[in-house]
């Protein structure tokens, strides 16, 4: 059974930092590519960072240079280091895993193509 459990969200002031963690099932390793997407109320899902099938990290334009995704397979943990946070970064953040054969940005958070956790809330105040 695939499980993903996020932690590390919270409330910070603009300019601050947070590190999100996602503990995932060992069965994910080697079969899924992983990433983070976020969703704010009334807005569409946005993939902020992910690994492709070659373990290369990609980022949405608005977080480049501020967010860093990393993965420690020995610990079965995915991370998202978020620096220089802005109010527009406020959202629920989800850790997601997509089957390698479907590993593209548009497939993160799509039912039937992978899994995601319950989310962790990030709130950035100005």
C-alpha atoms as a PDB file:
ATOM      1  CA  UNK A   1       0.000   0.000   0.000  1.00  0.00           C
ATOM      2  CA  UNK A   2       1.320   3.420  -0.943  1.00  0.00           C
ATOM      3  CA  UNK A   3       1.357   6.053   1.756  1.00  0.00           C
ATOM      4  CA  UNK A   4       2.620   9.621   1.774  1.00  0.00           C
ATOM      5  CA  UNK A   5       2.553  11.749   4.899  1.00  0.00           C
ATOM      6  CA  UNK A   6       3.511  15.424   4.774  1.00  0.00           C
ATOM      7  CA  UNK A   7       4.749  17.544   7.644  1.00  0.00           C
ATOM      8  CA  UNK A   8       6.510  20.817   8.245  1.00  0.00           C
ATOM      9  CA  UNK A   9       3.922  23.354   7.203  1.00  0.00           C
ATOM     10  CA  UNK A  10       3.081  26.364   9.292  1.00  0.00           C
ATOM     11  CA  UNK A  11       2.743  30.118   9.412  1.00  0.00           C
ATOM     12  CA  UNK A  12       5.664  32.388   8.644  1.00  0.00           C
ATOM     13  CA  UNK A  13       6.238  35.976   7.700  1.00  0.00           C
ATOM     14  CA  UNK A  14       7.243  36.973   4.213  1.00  0.00           C
ATOM     15  CA  UNK A  15      10.921  36.322   3.671  1.00  0.00           C
ATOM     16  CA  UNK A  16      10.946  33.383   6.027  1.00  0.00           C
ATOM     17  CA  UNK A  17      11.688  29.725   5.381  1.00  0.00           C
ATOM     18  CA  UNK A  18      10.051  26.373   5.881  1.00  0.00           C
ATOM     19  CA  UNK A  19      11.101  22.839   5.092  1.00  0.00           C
ATOM     20  CA  UNK A  20       8.401  20.396   4.191  1.00  0.00           C
ATOM     21  CA  UNK A  21       8.950  16.675   4.605  1.00  0.00           C
ATOM     22  CA  UNK A  22       7.096  13.743   3.132  1.00  0.00           C
ATOM     23  CA  UNK A  23       7.512  10.245   4.490  1.00  0.00           C
ATOM     24  CA  UNK A  24       6.642   7.739   1.802  1.00  0.00           C
ATOM     25  CA  UNK A  25       6.226   4.002   1.531  1.00  0.00           C
ATOM     26  CA  UNK A  26       9.326   2.063   0.524  1.00  0.00           C
ATOM     27  CA  UNK A  27       7.302   0.514  -2.310  1.00  0.00           C
ATOM     28  CA  UNK A  28       7.469   3.867  -4.111  1.00  0.00           C
ATOM     29  CA  UNK A  29      11.202   3.821  -4.663  1.00  0.00           C
ATOM     30  CA  UNK A  30      12.129   3.011  -8.236  1.00  0.00           C
ATOM     31  CA  UNK A  31       8.533   2.877  -9.461  1.00  0.00           C
ATOM     32  CA  UNK A  32       7.347   6.451  -9.095  1.00  0.00           C
ATOM     33  CA  UNK A  33       8.675   9.908  -9.678  1.00  0.00           C
ATOM     34  CA  UNK A  34       7.920  12.359  -6.935  1.00  0.00           C
ATOM     35  CA  UNK A  35       7.125  15.997  -6.459  1.00  0.00           C
ATOM     36  CA  UNK A  36       5.158  18.658  -4.679  1.00  0.00           C
ATOM     37  CA  UNK A  37       2.071  20.462  -5.802  1.00  0.00           C
ATOM     38  CA  UNK A  38       0.054  23.141  -4.067  1.00  0.00           C
ATOM     39  CA  UNK A  39      -3.466  24.366  -4.170  1.00  0.00           C
ATOM     40  CA  UNK A  40      -4.860  27.566  -2.765  1.00  0.00           C
ATOM     41  CA  UNK A  41      -8.585  28.183  -2.283  1.00  0.00           C
ATOM     42  CA  UNK A  42     -10.223  29.049  -5.577  1.00  0.00           C
ATOM     43  CA  UNK A  43      -7.087  28.337  -7.563  1.00  0.00           C
ATOM     44  CA  UNK A  44      -5.997  25.439  -9.718  1.00  0.00           C
ATOM     45  CA  UNK A  45      -3.479  22.870  -8.650  1.00  0.00           C
ATOM     46  CA  UNK A  46       0.095  23.949  -9.344  1.00  0.00           C
ATOM     47  CA  UNK A  47       3.079  21.633  -9.423  1.00  0.00           C
ATOM     48  CA  UNK A  48       5.871  23.600  -7.778  1.00  0.00           C
ATOM     49  CA  UNK A  49       8.705  21.090  -7.955  1.00  0.00           C
ATOM     50  CA  UNK A  50       9.189  17.558  -9.125  1.00  0.00           C
ATOM     51  CA  UNK A  51      11.721  15.034 -10.276  1.00  0.00           C
ATOM     52  CA  UNK A  52      11.551  13.627 -13.769  1.00  0.00           C
ATOM     53  CA  UNK A  53      12.266  10.031 -14.684  1.00  0.00           C
ATOM     54  CA  UNK A  54      16.005  10.755 -14.642  1.00  0.00           C
ATOM     55  CA  UNK A  55      15.871  12.285 -11.152  1.00  0.00           C
ATOM     56  CA  UNK A  56      16.356  15.776 -12.544  1.00  0.00           C
ATOM     57  CA  UNK A  57      14.533  18.449 -10.575  1.00  0.00           C
ATOM     58  CA  UNK A  58      12.234  20.908 -12.292  1.00  0.00           C
ATOM     59  CA  UNK A  59      10.465  23.911 -10.799  1.00  0.00           C
ATOM     60  CA  UNK A  60       7.632  26.158 -11.710  1.00  0.00           C
ATOM     61  CA  UNK A  61       8.910  29.586 -12.696  1.00  0.00           C
ATOM     62  CA  UNK A  62       7.588  31.421  -9.648  1.00  0.00           C
ATOM     63  CA  UNK A  63       9.646  29.367  -7.182  1.00  0.00           C
ATOM     64  CA  UNK A  64      12.904  28.998  -9.078  1.00  0.00           C
ATOM     65  CA  UNK A  65      15.835  30.072  -6.956  1.00  0.00           C
ATOM     66  CA  UNK A  66      13.750  29.956  -3.781  1.00  0.00           C
ATOM     67  CA  UNK A  67      12.581  26.344  -3.458  1.00  0.00           C
ATOM     68  CA  UNK A  68      14.687  23.194  -3.527  1.00  0.00           C
ATOM     69  CA  UNK A  69      13.352  19.673  -3.823  1.00  0.00           C
ATOM     70  CA  UNK A  70      15.375  16.732  -2.585  1.00  0.00           C
ATOM     71  CA  UNK A  71      14.814  13.077  -1.931  1.00  0.00           C
ATOM     72  CA  UNK A  72      16.507  10.686   0.474  1.00  0.00           C
ATOM     73  CA  UNK A  73      15.594   7.143  -0.517  1.00  0.00           C
ATOM     74  CA  UNK A  74      17.484   5.676   2.438  1.00  0.00           C
ATOM     75  CA  UNK A  75      15.049   7.512   4.698  1.00  0.00           C
ATOM     76  CA  UNK A  76      12.058   7.241   2.343  1.00  0.00           C
ATOM     77  CA  UNK A  77      11.611  10.982   2.621  1.00  0.00           C
ATOM     78  CA  UNK A  78      10.991  13.774   0.143  1.00  0.00           C
ATOM     79  CA  UNK A  79      11.770  17.356   1.092  1.00  0.00           C
ATOM     80  CA  UNK A  80      10.898  20.806  -0.102  1.00  0.00           C
ATOM     81  CA  UNK A  81      13.074  23.595   1.236  1.00  0.00           C
ATOM     82  CA  UNK A  82      11.270  26.885   0.802  1.00  0.00           C
ATOM     83  CA  UNK A  83      13.166  30.133   1.261  1.00  0.00           C
ATOM     84  CA  UNK A  84      12.233  33.765   0.737  1.00  0.00           C
ATOM     85  CA  UNK A  85       8.590  32.883   1.102  1.00  0.00           C
ATOM     86  CA  UNK A  86       5.974  35.230  -0.272  1.00  0.00           C
ATOM     87  CA  UNK A  87       2.290  35.631   0.603  1.00  0.00           C
ATOM     88  CA  UNK A  88       1.410  34.151  -2.800  1.00  0.00           C
ATOM     89  CA  UNK A  89       3.106  30.915  -1.713  1.00  0.00           C
ATOM     90  CA  UNK A  90       0.312  30.358   0.801  1.00  0.00           C
ATOM     91  CA  UNK A  91      -1.506  27.134  -0.032  1.00  0.00           C
ATOM     92  CA  UNK A  92      -1.996  23.543   0.931  1.00  0.00           C
ATOM     93  CA  UNK A  93       1.085  21.651  -0.166  1.00  0.00           C
ATOM     94  CA  UNK A  94       0.854  18.040  -1.239  1.00  0.00           C
ATOM     95  CA  UNK A  95       3.531  15.445  -1.698  1.00  0.00           C
ATOM     96  CA  UNK A  96       2.752  13.313  -4.733  1.00  0.00           C
ATOM     97  CA  UNK A  97       4.031  10.241  -6.496  1.00  0.00           C
ATOM     98  CA  UNK A  98       3.314   9.463 -10.140  1.00  0.00           C
ATOM     99  CA  UNK A  99       4.025   6.180 -11.855  1.00  0.00           C
ATOM    100  CA  UNK A 100       7.248   6.516 -13.846  1.00  0.00           C
ATOM    101  CA  UNK A 101       5.510   5.868 -17.166  1.00  0.00           C
ATOM    102  CA  UNK A 102       3.232   8.844 -16.504  1.00  0.00           C
ATOM    103  CA  UNK A 103       5.919  11.105 -15.087  1.00  0.00           C
ATOM    104  CA  UNK A 104       5.073  14.559 -16.373  1.00  0.00           C
ATOM    105  CA  UNK A 105       4.024  17.751 -14.638  1.00  0.00           C
ATOM    106  CA  UNK A 106       0.387  17.577 -15.739  1.00  0.00           C
ATOM    107  CA  UNK A 107      -0.073  14.153 -14.135  1.00  0.00           C
ATOM    108  CA  UNK A 108       0.759  15.088 -10.565  1.00  0.00           C
ATOM    109  CA  UNK A 109      -2.441  15.044  -8.543  1.00  0.00           C
ATOM    110  CA  UNK A 110      -4.408  13.189 -11.203  1.00  0.00           C
ATOM    111  CA  UNK A 111      -6.465  10.298  -9.935  1.00  0.00           C
ATOM    112  CA  UNK A 112      -5.468   6.944 -11.301  1.00  0.00           C
ATOM    113  CA  UNK A 113      -1.927   7.968 -12.208  1.00  0.00           C
ATOM    114  CA  UNK A 114      -0.406   8.150  -8.770  1.00  0.00           C
ATOM    115  CA  UNK A 115      -0.896   9.068  -5.164  1.00  0.00           C
ATOM    116  CA  UNK A 116      -0.688  12.074  -2.856  1.00  0.00           C
ATOM    117  CA  UNK A 117      -0.904  12.776   0.832  1.00  0.00           C
ATOM    118  CA  UNK A 118      -3.310  14.732   2.975  1.00  0.00           C
ATOM    119  CA  UNK A 119      -1.368  17.936   2.587  1.00  0.00           C
ATOM    120  CA  UNK A 120       0.269  20.421   4.904  1.00  0.00           C
ATOM    121  CA  UNK A 121      -0.797  24.042   5.125  1.00  0.00           C
ATOM    122  CA  UNK A 122       1.644  26.858   4.450  1.00  0.00           C
ATOM    123  CA  UNK A 123       0.591  30.389   5.313  1.00  0.00           C
ATOM    124  CA  UNK A 124       2.823  33.355   4.582  1.00  0.00           C
ATOM    125  CA  UNK A 125       1.867  36.725   5.997  1.00  0.00           C
ATOM    126  CA  UNK A 126       3.056  40.056   4.671  1.00  0.00           C
END
